[in-house]
Structure formats: structure tokens, C-alpha cells
Amino acid sequence: MVNILMVLLMLLQTAMLVFGQVFLKLGMRDMGPWQWTWTYIWHEVILNAWLLIGVLLLIAANVYWLWLLNKYPFSQIYPLTSLGFVFGMLAGLMIFHESVGVFQWMGVVLVMLGCYFIAKV
């Protein structure tokens, strides 16, 4: 029997991680070449709203992950984090308009099948 609640909770955690990365990418996209100066780090990194949202989402996702680790068996929830590869590819396709090849789609199908079998425990 598939543990639907566990899968839904993991989908939320994985979505938080992926959207955190999306916001980091959005923040980095508009920045110039990286510089190791305090002025650059203050103005381009610390005051960058996209990066701040991304970091906050990643922190929240990790705190939420700790709760999940406490609630479910590691051998069941950790493999479900591979859904992040699926969501990441979809974000690249839909948000950043990146091209996705047939082998990438085949990989998505395999990952989703694997997650289905893991959740079936």
C-alpha cells in the first residue's frame, strides 16, 4: 500500500528545495561577474531579494526535512528526494526555457517509477 501522506509531505519538501534553487538561479542570472569584494557581496548578494528568498526557502526546507527524518524511516523518505531531479528539470524547462532531450525525459520516467516502488513499501 502506498503511503500517500508520506509522498505528499515529501513532495512539499522537494518543492521547497527546488524553488529555493530556482530563486538562487534567478538572483544569480542578473549579476555581473563574481567579485570577492565586500561592496560586491553586500550589494549583489546580501541585498539581492531573489537570493534572500532562495536561502530562506532552503533553510525552511532543511528544518522541515529534520521533522520528516524524525517521523518516517530514512530508507523510505531519502530516496523520494530524487523527485527533486524531476522538478528541477521541469523548472529548467518552464521557468528558464531550457531544452530537455528525450534521454532526460526517459530519466524522469525512471525516477518516478523508482519513487513509486519506494513509496509502495
PDB file of N, CA and C in Angstrom:
ATOM      1  N   MET A   1       0.842  -1.191   0.000  1.00  0.00           N
ATOM      2  CA  MET A   1       0.000   0.000   0.000  1.00  0.00           C
ATOM      3  C   MET A   1       0.884   1.252   0.000  1.00  0.00           C
ATOM      4  N   VAL A   2       0.558   2.204  -0.841  1.00  0.00           N
ATOM      5  CA  VAL A   2       1.325   3.435  -0.948  1.00  0.00           C
ATOM      6  C   VAL A   2       0.970   4.360   0.217  1.00  0.00           C
ATOM      7  N   ASN A   3       2.007   4.874   0.888  1.00  0.00           N
ATOM      8  CA  ASN A   3       1.810   5.824   1.970  1.00  0.00           C
ATOM      9  C   ASN A   3       1.650   7.216   1.346  1.00  0.00           C
ATOM     10  N   ILE A   4       0.411   7.574   1.031  1.00  0.00           N
ATOM     11  CA  ILE A   4       0.108   8.816   0.325  1.00  0.00           C
ATOM     12  C   ILE A   4       0.555  10.036   1.121  1.00  0.00           C
ATOM     13  N   LEU A   5       0.322  10.043   2.428  1.00  0.00           N
ATOM     14  CA  LEU A   5       0.702  11.191   3.247  1.00  0.00           C
ATOM     15  C   LEU A   5       2.211  11.415   3.194  1.00  0.00           C
ATOM     16  N   MET A   6       2.985  10.338   3.312  1.00  0.00           N
ATOM     17  CA  MET A   6       4.435  10.467   3.259  1.00  0.00           C
ATOM     18  C   MET A   6       4.878  11.048   1.914  1.00  0.00           C
ATOM     19  N   VAL A   7       4.291  10.572   0.833  1.00  0.00           N
ATOM     20  CA  VAL A   7       4.653  11.060  -0.500  1.00  0.00           C
ATOM     21  C   VAL A   7       4.288  12.535  -0.633  1.00  0.00           C
ATOM     22  N   LEU A   8       3.117  12.932  -0.165  1.00  0.00           N
ATOM     23  CA  LEU A   8       2.702  14.332  -0.252  1.00  0.00           C
ATOM     24  C   LEU A   8       3.619  15.233   0.576  1.00  0.00           C
ATOM     25  N   LEU A   9       3.984  14.788   1.769  1.00  0.00           N
ATOM     26  CA  LEU A   9       4.894  15.570   2.603  1.00  0.00           C
ATOM     27  C   LEU A   9       6.263  15.698   1.952  1.00  0.00           C
ATOM     28  N   MET A  10       6.712  14.625   1.303  1.00  0.00           N
ATOM     29  CA  MET A  10       7.996  14.670   0.613  1.00  0.00           C
ATOM     30  C   MET A  10       7.915  15.548  -0.636  1.00  0.00           C
ATOM     31  N   LEU A  11       6.765  15.558  -1.302  1.00  0.00           N
ATOM     32  CA  LEU A  11       6.596  16.444  -2.453  1.00  0.00           C
ATOM     33  C   LEU A  11       6.730  17.905  -2.028  1.00  0.00           C
ATOM     34  N   LEU A  12       6.173  18.241  -0.881  1.00  0.00           N
ATOM     35  CA  LEU A  12       6.275  19.599  -0.366  1.00  0.00           C
ATOM     36  C   LEU A  12       7.728  19.949  -0.068  1.00  0.00           C
ATOM     37  N   GLN A  13       8.431  19.057   0.605  1.00  0.00           N
ATOM     38  CA  GLN A  13       9.832  19.309   0.953  1.00  0.00           C
ATOM     39  C   GLN A  13      10.680  19.447  -0.302  1.00  0.00           C
ATOM     40  N   THR A  14      10.450  18.586  -1.264  1.00  0.00           N
ATOM     41  CA  THR A  14      11.216  18.631  -2.503  1.00  0.00           C
ATOM     42  C   THR A  14      10.904  19.900  -3.289  1.00  0.00           C
ATOM     43  N   ALA A  15       9.644  20.298  -3.317  1.00  0.00           N
ATOM     44  CA  ALA A  15       9.268  21.539  -3.999  1.00  0.00           C
ATOM     45  C   ALA A  15       9.938  22.745  -3.338  1.00  0.00           C
ATOM     46  N   MET A  16      10.015  22.740  -2.017  1.00  0.00           N
ATOM     47  CA  MET A  16      10.696  23.833  -1.314  1.00  0.00           C
ATOM     48  C   MET A  16      12.162  23.904  -1.726  1.00  0.00           C
ATOM     49  N   LEU A  17      12.822  22.737  -1.812  1.00  0.00           N
ATOM     50  CA  LEU A  17      14.225  22.712  -2.229  1.00  0.00           C
ATOM     51  C   LEU A  17      14.393  23.220  -3.658  1.00  0.00           C
ATOM     52  N   VAL A  18      13.545  22.751  -4.545  1.00  0.00           N
ATOM     53  CA  VAL A  18      13.671  23.141  -5.950  1.00  0.00           C
ATOM     54  C   VAL A  18      13.381  24.630  -6.127  1.00  0.00           C
ATOM     55  N   PHE A  19      12.326  25.127  -5.500  1.00  0.00           N
ATOM     56  CA  PHE A  19      12.040  26.547  -5.635  1.00  0.00           C
ATOM     57  C   PHE A  19      13.129  27.399  -4.983  1.00  0.00           C
ATOM     58  N   GLY A  20      13.728  26.905  -3.912  1.00  0.00           N
ATOM     59  CA  GLY A  20      14.879  27.605  -3.334  1.00  0.00           C
ATOM     60  C   GLY A  20      15.995  27.739  -4.354  1.00  0.00           C
ATOM     61  N   GLN A  21      16.280  26.645  -5.069  1.00  0.00           N
ATOM     62  CA  GLN A  21      17.313  26.686  -6.105  1.00  0.00           C
ATOM     63  C   GLN A  21      16.902  27.585  -7.273  1.00  0.00           C
ATOM     64  N   VAL A  22      15.641  27.578  -7.629  1.00  0.00           N
ATOM     65  CA  VAL A  22      15.150  28.443  -8.713  1.00  0.00           C
ATOM     66  C   VAL A  22      15.376  29.902  -8.344  1.00  0.00           C
ATOM     67  N   PHE A  23      15.057  30.277  -7.101  1.00  0.00           N
ATOM     68  CA  PHE A  23      15.263  31.660  -6.683  1.00  0.00           C
ATOM     69  C   PHE A  23      16.745  32.015  -6.657  1.00  0.00           C
ATOM     70  N   LEU A  24      17.599  31.065  -6.274  1.00  0.00           N
ATOM     71  CA  LEU A  24      19.036  31.332  -6.328  1.00  0.00           C
ATOM     72  C   LEU A  24      19.474  31.592  -7.767  1.00  0.00           C
ATOM     73  N   LYS A  25      18.986  30.771  -8.692  1.00  0.00           N
ATOM     74  CA  LYS A  25      19.329  30.950 -10.106  1.00  0.00           C
ATOM     75  C   LYS A  25      18.819  32.292 -10.622  1.00  0.00           C
ATOM     76  N   LEU A  26      17.593  32.670 -10.240  1.00  0.00           N
ATOM     77  CA  LEU A  26      17.058  33.975 -10.652  1.00  0.00           C
ATOM     78  C   LEU A  26      17.929  35.115 -10.122  1.00  0.00           C
ATOM     79  N   GLY A  27      18.379  34.983  -8.884  1.00  0.00           N
ATOM     80  CA  GLY A  27      19.242  36.007  -8.303  1.00  0.00           C
ATOM     81  C   GLY A  27      20.592  36.088  -8.978  1.00  0.00           C
ATOM     82  N   MET A  28      21.153  34.957  -9.360  1.00  0.00           N
ATOM     83  CA  MET A  28      22.474  34.939  -9.986  1.00  0.00           C
ATOM     84  C   MET A  28      22.412  35.343 -11.454  1.00  0.00           C
ATOM     85  N   ARG A  29      21.272  35.179 -12.069  1.00  0.00           N
ATOM     86  CA  ARG A  29      21.129  35.433 -13.501  1.00  0.00           C
ATOM     87  C   ARG A  29      21.421  36.891 -13.866  1.00  0.00           C
ATOM     88  N   ASP A  30      21.035  37.815 -13.017  1.00  0.00           N
ATOM     89  CA  ASP A  30      21.172  39.236 -13.333  1.00  0.00           C
ATOM     90  C   ASP A  30      22.445  39.869 -12.775  1.00  0.00           C
ATOM     91  N   MET A  31      23.280  39.071 -12.127  1.00  0.00           N
ATOM     92  CA  MET A  31      24.505  39.606 -11.540  1.00  0.00           C
ATOM     93  C   MET A  31      25.623  39.594 -12.571  1.00  0.00           C
ATOM     94  N   GLY A  32      26.545  40.521 -12.396  1.00  0.00           N
ATOM     95  CA  GLY A  32      27.720  40.551 -13.256  1.00  0.00           C
ATOM     96  C   GLY A  32      28.721  39.488 -12.814  1.00  0.00           C
ATOM     97  N   PRO A  33      29.917  39.535 -13.353  1.00  0.00           N
ATOM     98  CA  PRO A  33      30.948  38.569 -12.963  1.00  0.00           C
ATOM     99  C   PRO A  33      31.213  38.642 -11.457  1.00  0.00           C
ATOM    100  N   TRP A  34      31.406  37.480 -10.866  1.00  0.00           N
ATOM    101  CA  TRP A  34      31.609  37.393  -9.410  1.00  0.00           C
ATOM    102  C   TRP A  34      32.875  38.123  -8.999  1.00  0.00           C
ATOM    103  N   GLN A  35      32.777  38.861  -7.882  1.00  0.00           N
ATOM    104  CA  GLN A  35      33.931  39.566  -7.323  1.00  0.00           C
ATOM    105  C   GLN A  35      33.997  39.280  -5.831  1.00  0.00           C
ATOM    106  N   TRP A  36      35.191  39.052  -5.339  1.00  0.00           N
ATOM    107  CA  TRP A  36      35.382  38.804  -3.911  1.00  0.00           C
ATOM    108  C   TRP A  36      35.692  40.110  -3.194  1.00  0.00           C
ATOM    109  N   THR A  37      34.746  41.051  -3.263  1.00  0.00           N
ATOM    110  CA  THR A  37      34.898  42.314  -2.547  1.00  0.00           C
ATOM    111  C   THR A  37      33.679  42.488  -1.641  1.00  0.00           C
ATOM    112  N   TRP A  38      33.876  43.198  -0.539  1.00  0.00           N
ATOM    113  CA  TRP A  38      32.773  43.417   0.396  1.00  0.00           C
ATOM    114  C   TRP A  38      31.653  44.221  -0.250  1.00  0.00           C
ATOM    115  N   THR A  39      32.014  45.187  -1.070  1.00  0.00           N
ATOM    116  CA  THR A  39      30.994  46.006  -1.741  1.00  0.00           C
ATOM    117  C   THR A  39      30.132  45.146  -2.645  1.00  0.00           C
ATOM    118  N   TYR A  40      30.778  44.316  -3.436  1.00  0.00           N
ATOM    119  CA  TYR A  40      30.031  43.436  -4.354  1.00  0.00           C
ATOM    120  C   TYR A  40      29.150  42.471  -3.574  1.00  0.00           C
ATOM    121  N   ILE A  41      29.720  41.834  -2.571  1.00  0.00           N
ATOM    122  CA  ILE A  41      28.952  40.857  -1.790  1.00  0.00           C
ATOM    123  C   ILE A  41      27.776  41.536  -1.099  1.00  0.00           C
ATOM    124  N   TRP A  42      27.967  42.736  -0.572  1.00  0.00           N
ATOM    125  CA  TRP A  42      26.874  43.428   0.100  1.00  0.00           C
ATOM    126  C   TRP A  42      25.767  43.814  -0.885  1.00  0.00           C
ATOM    127  N   HIS A  43      26.127  44.454  -1.988  1.00  0.00           N
ATOM    128  CA  HIS A  43      25.125  44.971  -2.922  1.00  0.00           C
ATOM    129  C   HIS A  43      24.524  43.896  -3.828  1.00  0.00           C
ATOM    130  N   GLU A  44      25.341  42.985  -4.309  1.00  0.00           N
ATOM    131  CA  GLU A  44      24.869  41.999  -5.289  1.00  0.00           C
ATOM    132  C   GLU A  44      24.379  40.702  -4.669  1.00  0.00           C
ATOM    133  N   VAL A  45      24.857  40.369  -3.477  1.00  0.00           N
ATOM    134  CA  VAL A  45      24.490  39.088  -2.872  1.00  0.00           C
ATOM    135  C   VAL A  45      23.536  39.294  -1.694  1.00  0.00           C
ATOM    136  N   ILE A  46      23.973  39.993  -0.693  1.00  0.00           N
ATOM    137  CA  ILE A  46      23.176  40.121   0.529  1.00  0.00           C
ATOM    138  C   ILE A  46      21.896  40.914   0.294  1.00  0.00           C
ATOM    139  N   LEU A  47      21.945  41.944  -0.509  1.00  0.00           N
ATOM    140  CA  LEU A  47      20.757  42.763  -0.764  1.00  0.00           C
ATOM    141  C   LEU A  47      19.937  42.271  -1.957  1.00  0.00           C
ATOM    142  N   ASN A  48      20.268  41.125  -2.497  1.00  0.00           N
ATOM    143  CA  ASN A  48      19.552  40.562  -3.639  1.00  0.00           C
ATOM    144  C   ASN A  48      18.331  39.809  -3.124  1.00  0.00           C
ATOM    145  N   ALA A  49      17.146  40.315  -3.431  1.00  0.00           N
ATOM    146  CA  ALA A  49      15.900  39.734  -2.907  1.00  0.00           C
ATOM    147  C   ALA A  49      15.715  38.287  -3.363  1.00  0.00           C
ATOM    148  N   TRP A  50      16.053  37.986  -4.636  1.00  0.00           N
ATOM    149  CA  TRP A  50      15.908  36.615  -5.138  1.00  0.00           C
ATOM    150  C   TRP A  50      16.773  35.648  -4.324  1.00  0.00           C
ATOM    151  N   LEU A  51      18.017  36.040  -4.068  1.00  0.00           N
ATOM    152  CA  LEU A  51      18.910  35.176  -3.301  1.00  0.00           C
ATOM    153  C   LEU A  51      18.403  35.005  -1.863  1.00  0.00           C
ATOM    154  N   LEU A  52      17.908  36.079  -1.277  1.00  0.00           N
ATOM    155  CA  LEU A  52      17.389  36.001   0.090  1.00  0.00           C
ATOM    156  C   LEU A  52      16.210  35.038   0.178  1.00  0.00           C
ATOM    157  N   ILE A  53      15.286  35.139  -0.766  1.00  0.00           N
ATOM    158  CA  ILE A  53      14.140  34.226  -0.781  1.00  0.00           C
ATOM    159  C   ILE A  53      14.621  32.790  -0.954  1.00  0.00           C
ATOM    160  N   GLY A  54      15.568  32.586  -1.860  1.00  0.00           N
ATOM    161  CA  GLY A  54      16.103  31.238  -2.091  1.00  0.00           C
ATOM    162  C   GLY A  54      16.750  30.654  -0.850  1.00  0.00           C
ATOM    163  N   VAL A  55      17.569  31.437  -0.185  1.00  0.00           N
ATOM    164  CA  VAL A  55      18.237  30.955   1.029  1.00  0.00           C
ATOM    165  C   VAL A  55      17.216  30.645   2.117  1.00  0.00           C
ATOM    166  N   LEU A  56      16.231  31.512   2.286  1.00  0.00           N
ATOM    167  CA  LEU A  56      15.206  31.269   3.308  1.00  0.00           C
ATOM    168  C   LEU A  56      14.401  30.001   3.003  1.00  0.00           C
ATOM    169  N   LEU A  57      14.079  29.783   1.732  1.00  0.00           N
ATOM    170  CA  LEU A  57      13.362  28.565   1.354  1.00  0.00           C
ATOM    171  C   LEU A  57      14.207  27.317   1.624  1.00  0.00           C
ATOM    172  N   LEU A  58      15.497  27.397   1.329  1.00  0.00           N
ATOM    173  CA  LEU A  58      16.376  26.250   1.569  1.00  0.00           C
ATOM    174  C   LEU A  58      16.527  25.968   3.072  1.00  0.00           C
ATOM    175  N   ILE A  59      16.602  27.016   3.876  1.00  0.00           N
ATOM    176  CA  ILE A  59      16.662  26.821   5.335  1.00  0.00           C
ATOM    177  C   ILE A  59      15.369  26.177   5.827  1.00  0.00           C
ATOM    178  N   ALA A  60      14.222  26.691   5.377  1.00  0.00           N
ATOM    179  CA  ALA A  60      12.932  26.132   5.793  1.00  0.00           C
ATOM    180  C   ALA A  60      12.809  24.675   5.345  1.00  0.00           C
ATOM    181  N   ALA A  61      13.256  24.378   4.131  1.00  0.00           N
ATOM    182  CA  ALA A  61      13.189  23.002   3.627  1.00  0.00           C
ATOM    183  C   ALA A  61      14.032  22.061   4.473  1.00  0.00           C
ATOM    184  N   ASN A  62      15.168  22.534   4.943  1.00  0.00           N
ATOM    185  CA  ASN A  62      16.019  21.681   5.767  1.00  0.00           C
ATOM    186  C   ASN A  62      15.471  21.482   7.176  1.00  0.00           C
ATOM    187  N   VAL A  63      14.848  22.502   7.724  1.00  0.00           N
ATOM    188  CA  VAL A  63      14.188  22.334   9.027  1.00  0.00           C
ATOM    189  C   VAL A  63      13.033  21.350   8.899  1.00  0.00           C
ATOM    190  N   TYR A  64      12.264  21.482   7.830  1.00  0.00           N
ATOM    191  CA  TYR A  64      11.161  20.566   7.545  1.00  0.00           C
ATOM    192  C   TYR A  64      11.690  19.142   7.345  1.00  0.00           C
ATOM    193  N   TRP A  65      12.846  19.012   6.687  1.00  0.00           N
ATOM    194  CA  TRP A  65      13.479  17.708   6.474  1.00  0.00           C
ATOM    195  C   TRP A  65      13.805  17.038   7.814  1.00  0.00           C
ATOM    196  N   LEU A  66      14.267  17.819   8.773  1.00  0.00           N
ATOM    197  CA  LEU A  66      14.557  17.257  10.099  1.00  0.00           C
ATOM    198  C   LEU A  66      13.300  16.656  10.712  1.00  0.00           C
ATOM    199  N   TRP A  67      12.176  17.339  10.552  1.00  0.00           N
ATOM    200  CA  TRP A  67      10.908  16.815  11.069  1.00  0.00           C
ATOM    201  C   TRP A  67      10.549  15.506  10.364  1.00  0.00           C
ATOM    202  N   LEU A  68      10.727  15.488   9.026  1.00  0.00           N
ATOM    203  CA  LEU A  68      10.429  14.263   8.271  1.00  0.00           C
ATOM    204  C   LEU A  68      11.323  13.101   8.703  1.00  0.00           C
ATOM    205  N   LEU A  69      12.597  13.399   8.953  1.00  0.00           N
ATOM    206  CA  LEU A  69      13.520  12.357   9.414  1.00  0.00           C
ATOM    207  C   LEU A  69      13.066  11.763  10.748  1.00  0.00           C
ATOM    208  N   ASN A  70      12.484  12.589  11.565  1.00  0.00           N
ATOM    209  CA  ASN A  70      12.005  12.136  12.861  1.00  0.00           C
ATOM    210  C   ASN A  70      10.738  11.300  12.738  1.00  0.00           C
ATOM    211  N   LYS A  71       9.963  11.518  11.680  1.00  0.00           N
ATOM    212  CA  LYS A  71       8.655  10.900  11.541  1.00  0.00           C
ATOM    213  C   LYS A  71       8.648   9.617  10.715  1.00  0.00           C
ATOM    214  N   TYR A  72       9.503   9.528   9.676  1.00  0.00           N
ATOM    215  CA  TYR A  72       9.447   8.404   8.739  1.00  0.00           C
ATOM    216  C   TYR A  72      10.781   7.677   8.653  1.00  0.00           C
ATOM    217  N   PRO A  73      10.759   6.416   8.213  1.00  0.00           N
ATOM    218  CA  PRO A  73      12.004   5.672   8.029  1.00  0.00           C
ATOM    219  C   PRO A  73      12.882   6.315   6.952  1.00  0.00           C
ATOM    220  N   PHE A  74      14.147   6.451   7.246  1.00  0.00           N
ATOM    221  CA  PHE A  74      15.111   7.057   6.335  1.00  0.00           C
ATOM    222  C   PHE A  74      15.137   6.334   4.993  1.00  0.00           C
ATOM    223  N   SER A  75      15.041   5.024   5.030  1.00  0.00           N
ATOM    224  CA  SER A  75      15.114   4.221   3.802  1.00  0.00           C
ATOM    225  C   SER A  75      13.918   4.458   2.879  1.00  0.00           C
ATOM    226  N   GLN A  76      12.869   5.050   3.394  1.00  0.00           N
ATOM    227  CA  GLN A  76      11.699   5.357   2.562  1.00  0.00           C
ATOM    228  C   GLN A  76      11.686   6.805   2.089  1.00  0.00           C
ATOM    229  N   ILE A  77      12.069   7.738   2.968  1.00  0.00           N
ATOM    230  CA  ILE A  77      11.939   9.144   2.567  1.00  0.00           C
ATOM    231  C   ILE A  77      13.149   9.656   1.794  1.00  0.00           C
ATOM    232  N   TYR A  78      14.351   9.195   2.120  1.00  0.00           N
ATOM    233  CA  TYR A  78      15.506   9.750   1.419  1.00  0.00           C
ATOM    234  C   TYR A  78      15.477   9.482  -0.085  1.00  0.00           C
ATOM    235  N   PRO A  79      15.151   8.273  -0.526  1.00  0.00           N
ATOM    236  CA  PRO A  79      15.079   8.064  -1.978  1.00  0.00           C
ATOM    237  C   PRO A  79      14.042   8.943  -2.674  1.00  0.00           C
ATOM    238  N   LEU A  80      13.017   9.357  -1.949  1.00  0.00           N
ATOM    239  CA  LEU A  80      11.996  10.220  -2.560  1.00  0.00           C
ATOM    240  C   LEU A  80      12.525  11.623  -2.859  1.00  0.00           C
ATOM    241  N   THR A  81      13.662  11.989  -2.262  1.00  0.00           N
ATOM    242  CA  THR A  81      14.247  13.292  -2.585  1.00  0.00           C
ATOM    243  C   THR A  81      14.700  13.342  -4.045  1.00  0.00           C
ATOM    244  N   SER A  82      14.806  12.187  -4.679  1.00  0.00           N
ATOM    245  CA  SER A  82      15.186  12.167  -6.103  1.00  0.00           C
ATOM    246  C   SER A  82      14.111  12.815  -6.974  1.00  0.00           C
ATOM    247  N   LEU A  83      12.932  13.038  -6.430  1.00  0.00           N
ATOM    248  CA  LEU A  83      11.919  13.785  -7.176  1.00  0.00           C
ATOM    249  C   LEU A  83      12.399  15.201  -7.484  1.00  0.00           C
ATOM    250  N   GLY A  84      13.370  15.664  -6.722  1.00  0.00           N
ATOM    251  CA  GLY A  84      13.958  16.970  -6.996  1.00  0.00           C
ATOM    252  C   GLY A  84      14.555  17.049  -8.395  1.00  0.00           C
ATOM    253  N   PHE A  85      15.094  15.927  -8.891  1.00  0.00           N
ATOM    254  CA  PHE A  85      15.630  15.917 -10.253  1.00  0.00           C
ATOM    255  C   PHE A  85      14.516  16.157 -11.271  1.00  0.00           C
ATOM    256  N   VAL A  86      13.363  15.573 -10.991  1.00  0.00           N
ATOM    257  CA  VAL A  86      12.210  15.738 -11.885  1.00  0.00           C
ATOM    258  C   VAL A  86      11.746  17.193 -11.857  1.00  0.00           C
ATOM    259  N   PHE A  87      11.521  17.714 -10.649  1.00  0.00           N
ATOM    260  CA  PHE A  87      11.053  19.088 -10.515  1.00  0.00           C
ATOM    261  C   PHE A  87      12.081  20.084 -11.057  1.00  0.00           C
ATOM    262  N   GLY A  88      13.362  19.792 -10.825  1.00  0.00           N
ATOM    263  CA  GLY A  88      14.417  20.676 -11.318  1.00  0.00           C
ATOM    264  C   GLY A  88      14.423  20.749 -12.834  1.00  0.00           C
ATOM    265  N   MET A  89      14.244  19.615 -13.463  1.00  0.00           N
ATOM    266  CA  MET A  89      14.214  19.601 -14.918  1.00  0.00           C
ATOM    267  C   MET A  89      12.985  20.344 -15.439  1.00  0.00           C
ATOM    268  N   LEU A  90      11.848  20.138 -14.792  1.00  0.00           N
ATOM    269  CA  LEU A  90      10.642  20.852 -15.200  1.00  0.00           C
ATOM    270  C   LEU A  90      10.790  22.357 -14.990  1.00  0.00           C
ATOM    271  N   ALA A  91      11.454  22.759 -13.908  1.00  0.00           N
ATOM    272  CA  ALA A  91      11.696  24.189 -13.671  1.00  0.00           C
ATOM    273  C   ALA A  91      12.610  24.754 -14.758  1.00  0.00           C
ATOM    274  N   GLY A  92      13.637  24.004 -15.124  1.00  0.00           N
ATOM    275  CA  GLY A  92      14.516  24.453 -16.195  1.00  0.00           C
ATOM    276  C   GLY A  92      13.758  24.643 -17.491  1.00  0.00           C
ATOM    277  N   LEU A  93      12.854  23.736 -17.757  1.00  0.00           N
ATOM    278  CA  LEU A  93      12.058  23.784 -18.982  1.00  0.00           C
ATOM    279  C   LEU A  93      11.064  24.952 -18.967  1.00  0.00           C
ATOM    280  N   MET A  94      10.297  25.071 -17.879  1.00  0.00           N
ATOM    281  CA  MET A  94       9.199  26.036 -17.840  1.00  0.00           C
ATOM    282  C   MET A  94       9.620  27.441 -17.413  1.00  0.00           C
ATOM    283  N   ILE A  95      10.572  27.547 -16.492  1.00  0.00           N
ATOM    284  CA  ILE A  95      10.943  28.872 -15.976  1.00  0.00           C
ATOM    285  C   ILE A  95      12.112  29.473 -16.755  1.00  0.00           C
ATOM    286  N   PHE A  96      13.129  28.642 -17.033  1.00  0.00           N
ATOM    287  CA  PHE A  96      14.331  29.152 -17.683  1.00  0.00           C
ATOM    288  C   PHE A  96      14.379  28.842 -19.182  1.00  0.00           C
ATOM    289  N   HIS A  97      13.327  28.179 -19.687  1.00  0.00           N
ATOM    290  CA  HIS A  97      13.195  27.879 -21.122  1.00  0.00           C
ATOM    291  C   HIS A  97      14.398  27.111 -21.670  1.00  0.00           C
ATOM    292  N   GLU A  98      14.877  26.164 -20.881  1.00  0.00           N
ATOM    293  CA  GLU A  98      15.982  25.312 -21.311  1.00  0.00           C
ATOM    294  C   GLU A  98      15.431  24.148 -22.129  1.00  0.00           C
ATOM    295  N   SER A  99      16.252  23.601 -22.991  1.00  0.00           N
ATOM    296  CA  SER A  99      15.795  22.462 -23.794  1.00  0.00           C
ATOM    297  C   SER A  99      15.986  21.171 -22.995  1.00  0.00           C
ATOM    298  N   VAL A 100      15.067  20.238 -23.182  1.00  0.00           N
ATOM    299  CA  VAL A 100      15.099  18.949 -22.491  1.00  0.00           C
ATOM    300  C   VAL A 100      15.014  17.863 -23.559  1.00  0.00           C
ATOM    301  N   GLY A 101      16.006  16.990 -23.558  1.00  0.00           N
ATOM    302  CA  GLY A 101      16.078  15.950 -24.571  1.00  0.00           C
ATOM    303  C   GLY A 101      15.310  14.694 -24.190  1.00  0.00           C
ATOM    304  N   VAL A 102      15.212  13.789 -25.148  1.00  0.00           N
ATOM    305  CA  VAL A 102      14.451  12.552 -24.948  1.00  0.00           C
ATOM    306  C   VAL A 102      15.062  11.688 -23.841  1.00  0.00           C
ATOM    307  N   PHE A 103      16.385  11.657 -23.733  1.00  0.00           N
ATOM    308  CA  PHE A 103      17.002  10.849 -22.687  1.00  0.00           C
ATOM    309  C   PHE A 103      16.721  11.428 -21.299  1.00  0.00           C
ATOM    310  N   GLN A 104      16.612  12.738 -21.212  1.00  0.00           N
ATOM    311  CA  GLN A 104      16.244  13.355 -19.938  1.00  0.00           C
ATOM    312  C   GLN A 104      14.824  12.969 -19.544  1.00  0.00           C
ATOM    313  N   TRP A 105      13.904  12.958 -20.523  1.00  0.00           N
ATOM    314  CA  TRP A 105      12.533  12.537 -20.240  1.00  0.00           C
ATOM    315  C   TRP A 105      12.494  11.074 -19.822  1.00  0.00           C
ATOM    316  N   MET A 106      13.313  10.251 -20.456  1.00  0.00           N
ATOM    317  CA  MET A 106      13.369   8.838 -20.060  1.00  0.00           C
ATOM    318  C   MET A 106      13.872   8.714 -18.621  1.00  0.00           C
ATOM    319  N   GLY A 107      14.826   9.537 -18.258  1.00  0.00           N
ATOM    320  CA  GLY A 107      15.316   9.548 -16.880  1.00  0.00           C
ATOM    321  C   GLY A 107      14.238   9.944 -15.891  1.00  0.00           C
ATOM    322  N   VAL A 108      13.420  10.914 -16.264  1.00  0.00           N
ATOM    323  CA  VAL A 108      12.308  11.347 -15.408  1.00  0.00           C
ATOM    324  C   VAL A 108      11.350  10.186 -15.172  1.00  0.00           C
ATOM    325  N   VAL A 109      11.032   9.454 -16.212  1.00  0.00           N
ATOM    326  CA  VAL A 109      10.126   8.308 -16.086  1.00  0.00           C
ATOM    327  C   VAL A 109      10.729   7.276 -15.142  1.00  0.00           C
ATOM    328  N   LEU A 110      12.010   7.002 -15.277  1.00  0.00           N
ATOM    329  CA  LEU A 110      12.662   6.019 -14.407  1.00  0.00           C
ATOM    330  C   LEU A 110      12.680   6.477 -12.946  1.00  0.00           C
ATOM    331  N   VAL A 111      12.967   7.750 -12.735  1.00  0.00           N
ATOM    332  CA  VAL A 111      12.970   8.281 -11.358  1.00  0.00           C
ATOM    333  C   VAL A 111      11.582   8.159 -10.749  1.00  0.00           C
ATOM    334  N   MET A 112      10.559   8.519 -11.505  1.00  0.00           N
ATOM    335  CA  MET A 112       9.194   8.457 -10.977  1.00  0.00           C
ATOM    336  C   MET A 112       8.774   7.017 -10.699  1.00  0.00           C
ATOM    337  N   LEU A 113       9.180   6.095 -11.557  1.00  0.00           N
ATOM    338  CA  LEU A 113       8.888   4.687 -11.289  1.00  0.00           C
ATOM    339  C   LEU A 113       9.580   4.225 -10.011  1.00  0.00           C
ATOM    340  N   GLY A 114      10.810   4.614  -9.851  1.00  0.00           N
ATOM    341  CA  GLY A 114      11.543   4.257  -8.635  1.00  0.00           C
ATOM    342  C   GLY A 114      10.870   4.811  -7.386  1.00  0.00           C
ATOM    343  N   CYS A 115      10.422   6.052  -7.457  1.00  0.00           N
ATOM    344  CA  CYS A 115       9.738   6.664  -6.306  1.00  0.00           C
ATOM    345  C   CYS A 115       8.427   5.930  -6.007  1.00  0.00           C
ATOM    346  N   TYR A 116       7.744   5.507  -7.043  1.00  0.00           N
ATOM    347  CA  TYR A 116       6.509   4.760  -6.845  1.00  0.00           C
ATOM    348  C   TYR A 116       6.791   3.452  -6.097  1.00  0.00           C
ATOM    349  N   PHE A 117       7.810   2.724  -6.513  1.00  0.00           N
ATOM    350  CA  PHE A 117       8.125   1.454  -5.847  1.00  0.00           C
ATOM    351  C   PHE A 117       8.599   1.677  -4.409  1.00  0.00           C
ATOM    352  N   ILE A 118       9.325   2.738  -4.156  1.00  0.00           N
ATOM    353  CA  ILE A 118       9.780   3.027  -2.793  1.00  0.00           C
ATOM    354  C   ILE A 118       8.585   3.369  -1.901  1.00  0.00           C
ATOM    355  N   ALA A 119       7.673   4.184  -2.404  1.00  0.00           N
ATOM    356  CA  ALA A 119       6.505   4.592  -1.617  1.00  0.00           C
ATOM    357  C   ALA A 119       5.543   3.443  -1.390  1.00  0.00           C
ATOM    358  N   LYS A 120       5.643   2.415  -2.199  1.00  0.00           N
ATOM    359  CA  LYS A 120       4.727   1.272  -2.095  1.00  0.00           C
ATOM    360  C   LYS A 120       5.010   0.400  -0.870  1.00  0.00           C
ATOM    361  N   VAL A 121       6.146   0.612  -0.231  1.00  0.00           N
ATOM    362  CA  VAL A 121       6.525  -0.211   0.926  1.00  0.00           C
ATOM    363  C   VAL A 121       5.528  -0.050   2.051  1.00  0.00           C
TER     364      VAL A 121
END
